[in-house]
């Protein structure tokens, strides 16, 4: 367990995950109106 915590791969993976989460949150907050809603989606028959 200690070698896993000290490995560079784990920290690179967590860093990439954190950057991706921040990027997605930033894009979502910048343009929240682009998310599809029930009113905007075509009705399926």
N, C-alpha and C. Protein backbone atom coordinates (compact mmCIF):
# COMPACT_ATOMS: atom_id res chain seq x y z
N UNK A 1 0.83 -1.19 0.00
CA UNK A 1 0.00 0.00 0.00
C UNK A 1 0.87 1.25 0.00
N UNK A 2 1.93 1.21 0.75
CA UNK A 2 2.81 2.38 0.83
C UNK A 2 3.48 2.66 -0.51
N UNK A 3 3.85 1.62 -1.24
CA UNK A 3 4.48 1.84 -2.54
C UNK A 3 3.48 2.40 -3.56
N UNK A 4 2.22 2.03 -3.43
CA UNK A 4 1.20 2.57 -4.33
C UNK A 4 1.03 4.07 -4.08
N UNK A 5 1.00 4.48 -2.82
CA UNK A 5 0.84 5.89 -2.50
C UNK A 5 2.04 6.73 -2.92
N UNK A 6 3.21 6.11 -2.97
CA UNK A 6 4.41 6.83 -3.35
C UNK A 6 4.67 6.79 -4.85
N UNK A 7 3.89 6.03 -5.60
CA UNK A 7 4.16 5.90 -7.03
C UNK A 7 3.74 7.15 -7.78
N UNK A 8 4.50 7.47 -8.81
CA UNK A 8 4.20 8.64 -9.62
C UNK A 8 2.93 8.45 -10.42
N UNK A 9 2.63 7.22 -10.81
CA UNK A 9 1.44 6.96 -11.62
C UNK A 9 0.18 7.35 -10.88
N UNK A 10 0.09 7.02 -9.61
CA UNK A 10 -1.10 7.35 -8.83
C UNK A 10 -1.31 8.86 -8.77
N UNK A 11 -0.26 9.60 -8.52
CA UNK A 11 -0.38 11.05 -8.40
C UNK A 11 -0.68 11.69 -9.74
N UNK A 12 -0.13 11.16 -10.83
CA UNK A 12 -0.46 11.67 -12.15
C UNK A 12 -1.92 11.38 -12.49
N UNK A 13 -2.39 10.20 -12.14
CA UNK A 13 -3.78 9.85 -12.39
C UNK A 13 -4.72 10.75 -11.60
N UNK A 14 -4.44 10.95 -10.32
CA UNK A 14 -5.28 11.81 -9.50
C UNK A 14 -5.22 13.27 -9.97
N UNK A 15 -4.06 13.71 -10.39
CA UNK A 15 -3.93 15.07 -10.91
C UNK A 15 -4.72 15.26 -12.19
N UNK A 16 -4.67 14.29 -13.08
CA UNK A 16 -5.44 14.36 -14.31
C UNK A 16 -6.94 14.31 -14.05
N UNK A 17 -7.32 13.48 -13.10
CA UNK A 17 -8.74 13.39 -12.72
C UNK A 17 -9.22 14.72 -12.16
N UNK A 18 -8.41 15.34 -11.31
CA UNK A 18 -8.79 16.63 -10.72
C UNK A 18 -8.87 17.72 -11.78
N UNK A 19 -7.91 17.75 -12.71
CA UNK A 19 -7.94 18.75 -13.77
C UNK A 19 -9.16 18.55 -14.67
N UNK A 20 -9.49 17.31 -14.96
CA UNK A 20 -10.67 17.04 -15.77
C UNK A 20 -11.95 17.46 -15.07
N UNK A 21 -12.04 17.21 -13.78
CA UNK A 21 -13.23 17.60 -13.03
C UNK A 21 -13.37 19.12 -12.98
N UNK A 22 -12.26 19.82 -12.78
CA UNK A 22 -12.30 21.28 -12.76
C UNK A 22 -12.68 21.81 -14.14
N UNK A 23 -12.15 21.21 -15.19
CA UNK A 23 -12.49 21.64 -16.55
C UNK A 23 -13.95 21.42 -16.87
N UNK A 24 -14.48 20.27 -16.52
CA UNK A 24 -15.90 20.01 -16.77
C UNK A 24 -16.78 20.95 -15.97
N UNK A 25 -16.44 21.20 -14.73
CA UNK A 25 -17.23 22.12 -13.91
C UNK A 25 -17.15 23.53 -14.49
N UNK A 26 -15.98 23.93 -14.95
CA UNK A 26 -15.84 25.25 -15.54
C UNK A 26 -16.64 25.40 -16.81
N UNK A 27 -16.64 24.38 -17.65
CA UNK A 27 -17.43 24.44 -18.88
C UNK A 27 -18.92 24.45 -18.57
N UNK A 28 -19.32 23.69 -17.59
CA UNK A 28 -20.74 23.63 -17.25
C UNK A 28 -21.21 24.95 -16.66
N UNK A 29 -20.41 25.56 -15.81
CA UNK A 29 -20.79 26.83 -15.20
C UNK A 29 -20.76 27.97 -16.22
N UNK A 30 -19.90 27.85 -17.23
CA UNK A 30 -19.79 28.91 -18.23
C UNK A 30 -21.01 28.94 -19.16
N UNK A 31 -21.62 27.77 -19.40
CA UNK A 31 -22.74 27.72 -20.34
C UNK A 31 -23.77 26.69 -19.87
N UNK A 32 -24.46 26.93 -18.77
CA UNK A 32 -25.41 25.93 -18.26
C UNK A 32 -26.68 25.82 -19.09
N UNK A 33 -26.99 26.81 -19.93
CA UNK A 33 -28.22 26.77 -20.70
C UNK A 33 -28.15 25.77 -21.85
N UNK A 34 -26.97 25.27 -22.18
CA UNK A 34 -26.85 24.35 -23.29
C UNK A 34 -27.24 22.92 -22.92
N UNK A 35 -27.48 22.65 -21.66
CA UNK A 35 -27.87 21.32 -21.23
C UNK A 35 -29.29 21.03 -21.72
N UNK A 36 -29.51 19.86 -22.30
CA UNK A 36 -30.86 19.55 -22.79
C UNK A 36 -31.85 19.38 -21.64
N UNK A 37 -33.04 19.84 -21.85
CA UNK A 37 -34.09 19.69 -20.86
C UNK A 37 -35.27 18.99 -21.52
N UNK A 38 -36.28 18.64 -20.75
CA UNK A 38 -37.44 17.97 -21.30
C UNK A 38 -38.20 18.89 -22.25
N UNK A 39 -38.24 20.17 -21.96
CA UNK A 39 -38.97 21.11 -22.81
C UNK A 39 -38.27 21.30 -24.16
N UNK A 40 -36.95 21.21 -24.17
CA UNK A 40 -36.20 21.45 -25.41
C UNK A 40 -36.05 20.17 -26.23
N UNK A 41 -36.16 19.03 -25.61
CA UNK A 41 -35.95 17.77 -26.31
C UNK A 41 -37.20 17.43 -27.14
N UNK A 42 -37.01 16.86 -28.31
CA UNK A 42 -38.18 16.47 -29.11
C UNK A 42 -38.94 15.33 -28.43
N UNK A 43 -40.22 15.36 -28.58
CA UNK A 43 -41.06 14.34 -27.94
C UNK A 43 -40.96 13.04 -28.70
N UNK A 44 -40.70 11.96 -27.97
CA UNK A 44 -40.65 10.63 -28.59
C UNK A 44 -42.05 10.03 -28.62
N UNK A 45 -42.45 9.53 -29.76
CA UNK A 45 -43.79 8.96 -29.87
C UNK A 45 -43.74 7.49 -30.07
